[in-house]
Amino acid sequence: QSFQRQRVDKAAEVGKDAYAMYHGKHRSLGTGKQSGGCVVLSEVNFVSRYALLLFGGELEIEKNAVILDNWLKFKVGEKSLAGAVILLAIRDELDAILLRQISCTSAKGRGQ
């Protein structure tokens, strides 16, 4: 059994690292007995739901949930918007901090 398969099995048991991110998806041509080929994912990493929510795509608030990229829904509270609003505020602040740090580092690299 491969290392990645073991990680997927373990993630299902404990609920951690349950989301797989990949860079490329390819279909092999298949030869001989394997005429249809198979799908291969490259550069696969497993991430937590928090990594997706803080660094993923577009977020949308709907009742007590946050929807990532119009399809992946995370419940963030029981009945109010407070959890979703706090999450968006944290994400905005994190984006601002990263942007300042990257800008500062870039300026130093150019000798400014």
C-alpha atoms as a PDB file:
ATOM      1  CA  GLN A   1       0.000   0.000   0.000  1.00  0.00           C
ATOM      2  CA  SER A   2       1.351   3.425  -0.962  1.00  0.00           C
ATOM      3  CA  PHE A   3       2.214   6.201   1.475  1.00  0.00           C
ATOM      4  CA  GLN A   4      -0.513   8.451   0.022  1.00  0.00           C
ATOM      5  CA  ARG A   5      -3.152   5.720   0.357  1.00  0.00           C
ATOM      6  CA  GLN A   6      -2.206   5.264   4.015  1.00  0.00           C
ATOM      7  CA  ARG A   7      -2.605   9.020   4.574  1.00  0.00           C
ATOM      8  CA  VAL A   8      -6.054   9.018   2.979  1.00  0.00           C
ATOM      9  CA  ASP A   9      -7.147   6.067   5.128  1.00  0.00           C
ATOM     10  CA  LYS A  10      -5.819   7.707   8.295  1.00  0.00           C
ATOM     11  CA  ALA A  11      -7.451  11.050   7.421  1.00  0.00           C
ATOM     12  CA  ALA A  12     -10.824   9.353   7.096  1.00  0.00           C
ATOM     13  CA  GLU A  13     -10.412   7.798  10.552  1.00  0.00           C
ATOM     14  CA  VAL A  14      -9.377  10.898  12.486  1.00  0.00           C
ATOM     15  CA  GLY A  15     -10.922  13.660  10.355  1.00  0.00           C
ATOM     16  CA  LYS A  16      -7.639  15.522   9.844  1.00  0.00           C
ATOM     17  CA  ASP A  17      -5.951  16.407   6.557  1.00  0.00           C
ATOM     18  CA  ALA A  18      -9.147  15.323   4.870  1.00  0.00           C
ATOM     19  CA  TYR A  19      -8.907  17.567   1.810  1.00  0.00           C
ATOM     20  CA  ALA A  20      -6.595  16.723  -1.079  1.00  0.00           C
ATOM     21  CA  MET A  21      -5.179  19.495  -3.256  1.00  0.00           C
ATOM     22  CA  TYR A  22      -3.463  18.683  -6.525  1.00  0.00           C
ATOM     23  CA  HIS A  23      -1.643  20.609  -9.217  1.00  0.00           C
ATOM     24  CA  GLY A  24      -2.286  18.465 -12.273  1.00  0.00           C
ATOM     25  CA  LYS A  25      -4.676  15.777 -13.448  1.00  0.00           C
ATOM     26  CA  HIS A  26      -3.642  13.479 -16.291  1.00  0.00           C
ATOM     27  CA  ARG A  27      -5.040  10.426 -18.029  1.00  0.00           C
ATOM     28  CA  SER A  28      -2.630   7.711 -19.059  1.00  0.00           C
ATOM     29  CA  LEU A  29      -3.163   6.180 -22.488  1.00  0.00           C
ATOM     30  CA  GLY A  30      -3.191   2.604 -21.246  1.00  0.00           C
ATOM     31  CA  THR A  31      -1.616  -0.260 -23.115  1.00  0.00           C
ATOM     32  CA  GLY A  32      -2.302  -3.959 -23.395  1.00  0.00           C
ATOM     33  CA  LYS A  33      -4.865  -5.125 -20.852  1.00  0.00           C
ATOM     34  CA  GLN A  34      -5.295  -1.575 -19.569  1.00  0.00           C
ATOM     35  CA  SER A  35      -7.019  -0.161 -22.647  1.00  0.00           C
ATOM     36  CA  GLY A  36      -8.885   2.714 -20.969  1.00  0.00           C
ATOM     37  CA  GLY A  37      -5.932   4.107 -19.081  1.00  0.00           C
ATOM     38  CA  CYS A  38      -6.242   5.636 -15.645  1.00  0.00           C
ATOM     39  CA  VAL A  39      -6.392   9.078 -14.086  1.00  0.00           C
ATOM     40  CA  VAL A  40      -3.244  10.262 -12.299  1.00  0.00           C
ATOM     41  CA  LEU A  41      -3.002  13.279  -9.992  1.00  0.00           C
ATOM     42  CA  SER A  42       0.349  15.025  -9.620  1.00  0.00           C
ATOM     43  CA  GLU A  43       1.731  17.062  -6.740  1.00  0.00           C
ATOM     44  CA  VAL A  44      -0.926  15.981  -4.222  1.00  0.00           C
ATOM     45  CA  ASN A  45      -0.950  17.517  -0.743  1.00  0.00           C
ATOM     46  CA  PHE A  46      -3.421  17.090   2.069  1.00  0.00           C
ATOM     47  CA  VAL A  47      -4.649  20.198   3.865  1.00  0.00           C
ATOM     48  CA  SER A  48      -6.959  21.022   6.742  1.00  0.00           C
ATOM     49  CA  ARG A  49     -10.266  22.825   6.391  1.00  0.00           C
ATOM     50  CA  TYR A  50      -8.673  25.856   8.046  1.00  0.00           C
ATOM     51  CA  ALA A  51      -5.995  26.082   5.352  1.00  0.00           C
ATOM     52  CA  LEU A  52      -8.726  25.998   2.717  1.00  0.00           C
ATOM     53  CA  LEU A  53     -10.777  28.667   4.473  1.00  0.00           C
ATOM     54  CA  LEU A  54      -7.813  30.981   5.118  1.00  0.00           C
ATOM     55  CA  PHE A  55      -5.912  30.543   1.851  1.00  0.00           C
ATOM     56  CA  GLY A  56      -8.429  29.053  -0.599  1.00  0.00           C
ATOM     57  CA  GLY A  57     -10.579  30.690  -3.250  1.00  0.00           C
ATOM     58  CA  GLU A  58     -13.583  32.989  -3.050  1.00  0.00           C
ATOM     59  CA  LEU A  59     -15.682  32.813   0.124  1.00  0.00           C
ATOM     60  CA  GLU A  60     -19.389  33.467   0.394  1.00  0.00           C
ATOM     61  CA  ILE A  61     -21.472  33.592   3.582  1.00  0.00           C
ATOM     62  CA  GLU A  62     -24.801  31.771   3.609  1.00  0.00           C
ATOM     63  CA  LYS A  63     -26.664  31.664   6.933  1.00  0.00           C
ATOM     64  CA  ASN A  64     -24.268  29.969   9.380  1.00  0.00           C
ATOM     65  CA  ALA A  65     -21.956  28.553   6.704  1.00  0.00           C
ATOM     66  CA  VAL A  66     -19.109  29.627   4.467  1.00  0.00           C
ATOM     67  CA  ILE A  67     -19.068  28.405   0.867  1.00  0.00           C
ATOM     68  CA  LEU A  68     -15.684  28.112  -0.816  1.00  0.00           C
ATOM     69  CA  ASP A  69     -15.561  28.624  -4.600  1.00  0.00           C
ATOM     70  CA  ASN A  70     -19.340  28.165  -4.934  1.00  0.00           C
ATOM     71  CA  TRP A  71     -19.324  24.460  -4.036  1.00  0.00           C
ATOM     72  CA  LEU A  72     -17.567  23.428  -0.798  1.00  0.00           C
ATOM     73  CA  LYS A  73     -19.693  24.298   2.243  1.00  0.00           C
ATOM     74  CA  PHE A  74     -18.379  24.579   5.823  1.00  0.00           C
ATOM     75  CA  LYS A  75     -20.643  25.098   8.817  1.00  0.00           C
ATOM     76  CA  VAL A  76     -19.073  27.742  11.081  1.00  0.00           C
ATOM     77  CA  GLY A  77     -21.607  28.223  13.844  1.00  0.00           C
ATOM     78  CA  GLU A  78     -24.912  27.058  15.161  1.00  0.00           C
ATOM     79  CA  LYS A  79     -27.395  29.737  14.137  1.00  0.00           C
ATOM     80  CA  SER A  80     -25.681  33.087  13.656  1.00  0.00           C
ATOM     81  CA  LEU A  81     -23.387  34.771  11.165  1.00  0.00           C
ATOM     82  CA  ALA A  82     -20.825  35.647  13.865  1.00  0.00           C
ATOM     83  CA  GLY A  83     -18.476  32.727  13.128  1.00  0.00           C
ATOM     84  CA  ALA A  84     -18.472  33.406   9.392  1.00  0.00           C
ATOM     85  CA  VAL A  85     -17.928  37.143   9.875  1.00  0.00           C
ATOM     86  CA  ILE A  86     -15.001  36.515  12.242  1.00  0.00           C
ATOM     87  CA  LEU A  87     -13.482  34.052   9.765  1.00  0.00           C
ATOM     88  CA  LEU A  88     -13.699  36.598   6.936  1.00  0.00           C
ATOM     89  CA  ALA A  89     -12.151  39.302   9.144  1.00  0.00           C
ATOM     90  CA  ILE A  90      -9.254  36.987  10.071  1.00  0.00           C
ATOM     91  CA  ARG A  91      -8.715  36.111   6.427  1.00  0.00           C
ATOM     92  CA  ASP A  92      -8.714  39.785   5.380  1.00  0.00           C
ATOM     93  CA  GLU A  93      -6.200  40.642   8.116  1.00  0.00           C
ATOM     94  CA  LEU A  94      -3.987  37.681   7.187  1.00  0.00           C
ATOM     95  CA  ASP A  95      -4.042  38.766   3.522  1.00  0.00           C
ATOM     96  CA  ALA A  96      -3.032  42.312   4.528  1.00  0.00           C
ATOM     97  CA  ILE A  97      -0.175  41.056   6.730  1.00  0.00           C
ATOM     98  CA  LEU A  98       1.141  38.761   3.993  1.00  0.00           C
ATOM     99  CA  LEU A  99       0.907  41.522   1.398  1.00  0.00           C
ATOM    100  CA  ARG A 100       2.829  43.948   3.637  1.00  0.00           C
ATOM    101  CA  GLN A 101       5.503  41.338   4.367  1.00  0.00           C
ATOM    102  CA  ILE A 102       5.922  40.386   0.702  1.00  0.00           C
ATOM    103  CA  SER A 103       6.042  44.055  -0.360  1.00  0.00           C
ATOM    104  CA  CYS A 104       8.631  44.843   2.317  1.00  0.00           C
ATOM    105  CA  THR A 105      10.766  41.847   1.345  1.00  0.00           C
ATOM    106  CA  SER A 106      10.542  42.738  -2.352  1.00  0.00           C
ATOM    107  CA  ALA A 107      11.586  46.342  -1.686  1.00  0.00           C
ATOM    108  CA  LYS A 108      14.598  45.190   0.347  1.00  0.00           C
ATOM    109  CA  GLY A 109      15.585  42.810  -2.445  1.00  0.00           C
ATOM    110  CA  ARG A 110      15.622  45.690  -4.954  1.00  0.00           C
ATOM    111  CA  GLY A 111      17.804  47.786  -2.652  1.00  0.00           C
ATOM    112  CA  GLN A 112      15.133  50.261  -1.596  1.00  0.00           C
END
